[in-house]
Amino acid sequence: MQRVDWQVVGSSCATCLIRLEKKLRATAGVVKVVVSIYKPFNAALIYDRDQVSWTKIKAVMDSEKVGVANLKEAGISDLPLVLEPR
């Protein structure tokens, strides 16, 4: 599994950020996701690389017309109980 942390850019609308989180959560292979509706709009996502690619996840974000800044990606072995953006 992979963990990705990033800052959402291009949107500050709470409704839009919530919609983005819902769309990401509905994507097959995404295990957990959280998108903050508060500045600086950080987000975190855990996904299974065997089921979905980062390209597919990025396409979901592109469909919501949001960008990515300060991307950090790391492999993880254990799923956290609570996912907090870093």
C-alpha atoms as a PDB file:
ATOM      1  CA  MET A   1       0.000   0.000   0.000  1.00  0.00           C
ATOM      2  CA  GLN A   2       1.034   3.580  -0.622  1.00  0.00           C
ATOM      3  CA  ARG A   3       0.388   6.699   1.415  1.00  0.00           C
ATOM      4  CA  VAL A   4       0.262  10.041  -0.380  1.00  0.00           C
ATOM      5  CA  ASP A   5       0.107  13.419   1.361  1.00  0.00           C
ATOM      6  CA  TRP A   6      -0.345  16.653  -0.581  1.00  0.00           C
ATOM      7  CA  GLN A   7      -1.771  20.145  -0.547  1.00  0.00           C
ATOM      8  CA  VAL A   8      -4.851  20.754  -2.689  1.00  0.00           C
ATOM      9  CA  VAL A   9      -4.453  23.854  -4.848  1.00  0.00           C
ATOM     10  CA  GLY A  10      -6.961  25.571  -7.088  1.00  0.00           C
ATOM     11  CA  SER A  11      -9.974  25.176  -4.813  1.00  0.00           C
ATOM     12  CA  SER A  12     -10.961  26.662  -1.472  1.00  0.00           C
ATOM     13  CA  CYS A  13     -14.672  25.899  -1.654  1.00  0.00           C
ATOM     14  CA  ALA A  14     -15.641  23.546   1.199  1.00  0.00           C
ATOM     15  CA  THR A  15     -18.328  21.870  -0.910  1.00  0.00           C
ATOM     16  CA  CYS A  16     -15.821  21.239  -3.708  1.00  0.00           C
ATOM     17  CA  LEU A  17     -13.261  19.764  -1.310  1.00  0.00           C
ATOM     18  CA  ILE A  18     -15.880  17.477   0.256  1.00  0.00           C
ATOM     19  CA  ARG A  19     -16.983  16.370  -3.226  1.00  0.00           C
ATOM     20  CA  LEU A  20     -13.330  15.617  -4.087  1.00  0.00           C
ATOM     21  CA  GLU A  21     -12.981  13.471  -0.965  1.00  0.00           C
ATOM     22  CA  LYS A  22     -16.163  11.560  -1.819  1.00  0.00           C
ATOM     23  CA  LYS A  23     -15.014  10.935  -5.394  1.00  0.00           C
ATOM     24  CA  LEU A  24     -11.607   9.734  -4.224  1.00  0.00           C
ATOM     25  CA  ARG A  25     -13.209   7.473  -1.602  1.00  0.00           C
ATOM     26  CA  ALA A  26     -15.430   5.928  -4.302  1.00  0.00           C
ATOM     27  CA  THR A  27     -12.414   5.103  -6.478  1.00  0.00           C
ATOM     28  CA  ALA A  28     -11.659   1.360  -6.493  1.00  0.00           C
ATOM     29  CA  GLY A  29      -8.361   0.677  -4.741  1.00  0.00           C
ATOM     30  CA  VAL A  30      -8.484   3.742  -2.490  1.00  0.00           C
ATOM     31  CA  VAL A  31      -8.443   2.473   1.087  1.00  0.00           C
ATOM     32  CA  LYS A  32      -8.672   5.719   3.087  1.00  0.00           C
ATOM     33  CA  VAL A  33      -8.767   9.402   2.209  1.00  0.00           C
ATOM     34  CA  VAL A  34      -9.157  12.693   4.034  1.00  0.00           C
ATOM     35  CA  VAL A  35      -9.276  16.186   2.517  1.00  0.00           C
ATOM     36  CA  SER A  36      -9.177  19.164   4.862  1.00  0.00           C
ATOM     37  CA  ILE A  37     -11.623  21.999   4.227  1.00  0.00           C
ATOM     38  CA  TYR A  38      -9.371  24.356   6.198  1.00  0.00           C
ATOM     39  CA  LYS A  39      -6.272  26.174   4.970  1.00  0.00           C
ATOM     40  CA  PRO A  40      -3.771  25.027   3.819  1.00  0.00           C
ATOM     41  CA  PHE A  41      -6.165  22.353   2.388  1.00  0.00           C
ATOM     42  CA  ASN A  42      -3.952  19.333   3.086  1.00  0.00           C
ATOM     43  CA  ALA A  43      -5.009  15.866   2.048  1.00  0.00           C
ATOM     44  CA  ALA A  44      -3.899  12.296   2.678  1.00  0.00           C
ATOM     45  CA  LEU A  45      -4.761   9.109   0.837  1.00  0.00           C
ATOM     46  CA  ILE A  46      -3.869   5.434   1.169  1.00  0.00           C
ATOM     47  CA  TYR A  47      -4.262   3.243  -1.863  1.00  0.00           C
ATOM     48  CA  ASP A  48      -3.479  -0.263  -3.062  1.00  0.00           C
ATOM     49  CA  ARG A  49      -1.058  -0.085  -5.992  1.00  0.00           C
ATOM     50  CA  ASP A  50      -2.296  -3.471  -7.226  1.00  0.00           C
ATOM     51  CA  GLN A  51      -5.807  -2.070  -7.747  1.00  0.00           C
ATOM     52  CA  VAL A  52      -5.334   1.554  -8.805  1.00  0.00           C
ATOM     53  CA  SER A  53      -2.547   3.740 -10.140  1.00  0.00           C
ATOM     54  CA  TRP A  54      -1.611   7.255  -9.073  1.00  0.00           C
ATOM     55  CA  THR A  55      -2.475   8.322 -12.643  1.00  0.00           C
ATOM     56  CA  LYS A  56      -6.082   7.192 -12.115  1.00  0.00           C
ATOM     57  CA  ILE A  57      -6.270   8.961  -8.750  1.00  0.00           C
ATOM     58  CA  LYS A  58      -4.832  12.128 -10.299  1.00  0.00           C
ATOM     59  CA  ALA A  59      -7.459  11.902 -13.070  1.00  0.00           C
ATOM     60  CA  VAL A  60     -10.185  12.028 -10.398  1.00  0.00           C
ATOM     61  CA  MET A  61      -8.582  15.178  -8.989  1.00  0.00           C
ATOM     62  CA  ASP A  62      -8.277  16.667 -12.478  1.00  0.00           C
ATOM     63  CA  SER A  63     -12.002  16.071 -13.007  1.00  0.00           C
ATOM     64  CA  GLU A  64     -12.599  18.364 -10.021  1.00  0.00           C
ATOM     65  CA  LYS A  65     -10.150  20.923 -11.460  1.00  0.00           C
ATOM     66  CA  VAL A  66      -7.780  20.839  -8.474  1.00  0.00           C
ATOM     67  CA  GLY A  67      -4.016  20.679  -8.453  1.00  0.00           C
ATOM     68  CA  VAL A  68      -1.404  19.048  -6.252  1.00  0.00           C
ATOM     69  CA  ALA A  69       1.443  20.742  -4.376  1.00  0.00           C
ATOM     70  CA  ASN A  70       4.026  19.441  -1.888  1.00  0.00           C
ATOM     71  CA  LEU A  71       3.403  15.793  -2.805  1.00  0.00           C
ATOM     72  CA  LYS A  72       4.947  13.194  -0.493  1.00  0.00           C
ATOM     73  CA  GLU A  73       4.542   9.491  -1.198  1.00  0.00           C
ATOM     74  CA  ALA A  74       5.700   6.539   0.889  1.00  0.00           C
ATOM     75  CA  GLY A  75       5.046   2.832   1.092  1.00  0.00           C
ATOM     76  CA  ILE A  76       3.321   1.636   4.265  1.00  0.00           C
ATOM     77  CA  SER A  77       2.880  -1.803   5.782  1.00  0.00           C
ATOM     78  CA  ASP A  78       0.206  -1.074   8.411  1.00  0.00           C
ATOM     79  CA  LEU A  79      -3.056   0.762   7.918  1.00  0.00           C
ATOM     80  CA  PRO A  80      -3.474   3.590  10.463  1.00  0.00           C
ATOM     81  CA  LEU A  81      -6.694   3.713  12.454  1.00  0.00           C
ATOM     82  CA  VAL A  82      -6.970   7.464  11.907  1.00  0.00           C
ATOM     83  CA  LEU A  83      -5.638   9.166   8.808  1.00  0.00           C
ATOM     84  CA  GLU A  84      -4.380  12.716   9.322  1.00  0.00           C
ATOM     85  CA  PRO A  85      -2.713  14.779   6.589  1.00  0.00           C
ATOM     86  CA  ARG A  86       0.936  15.541   7.300  1.00  0.00           C
END
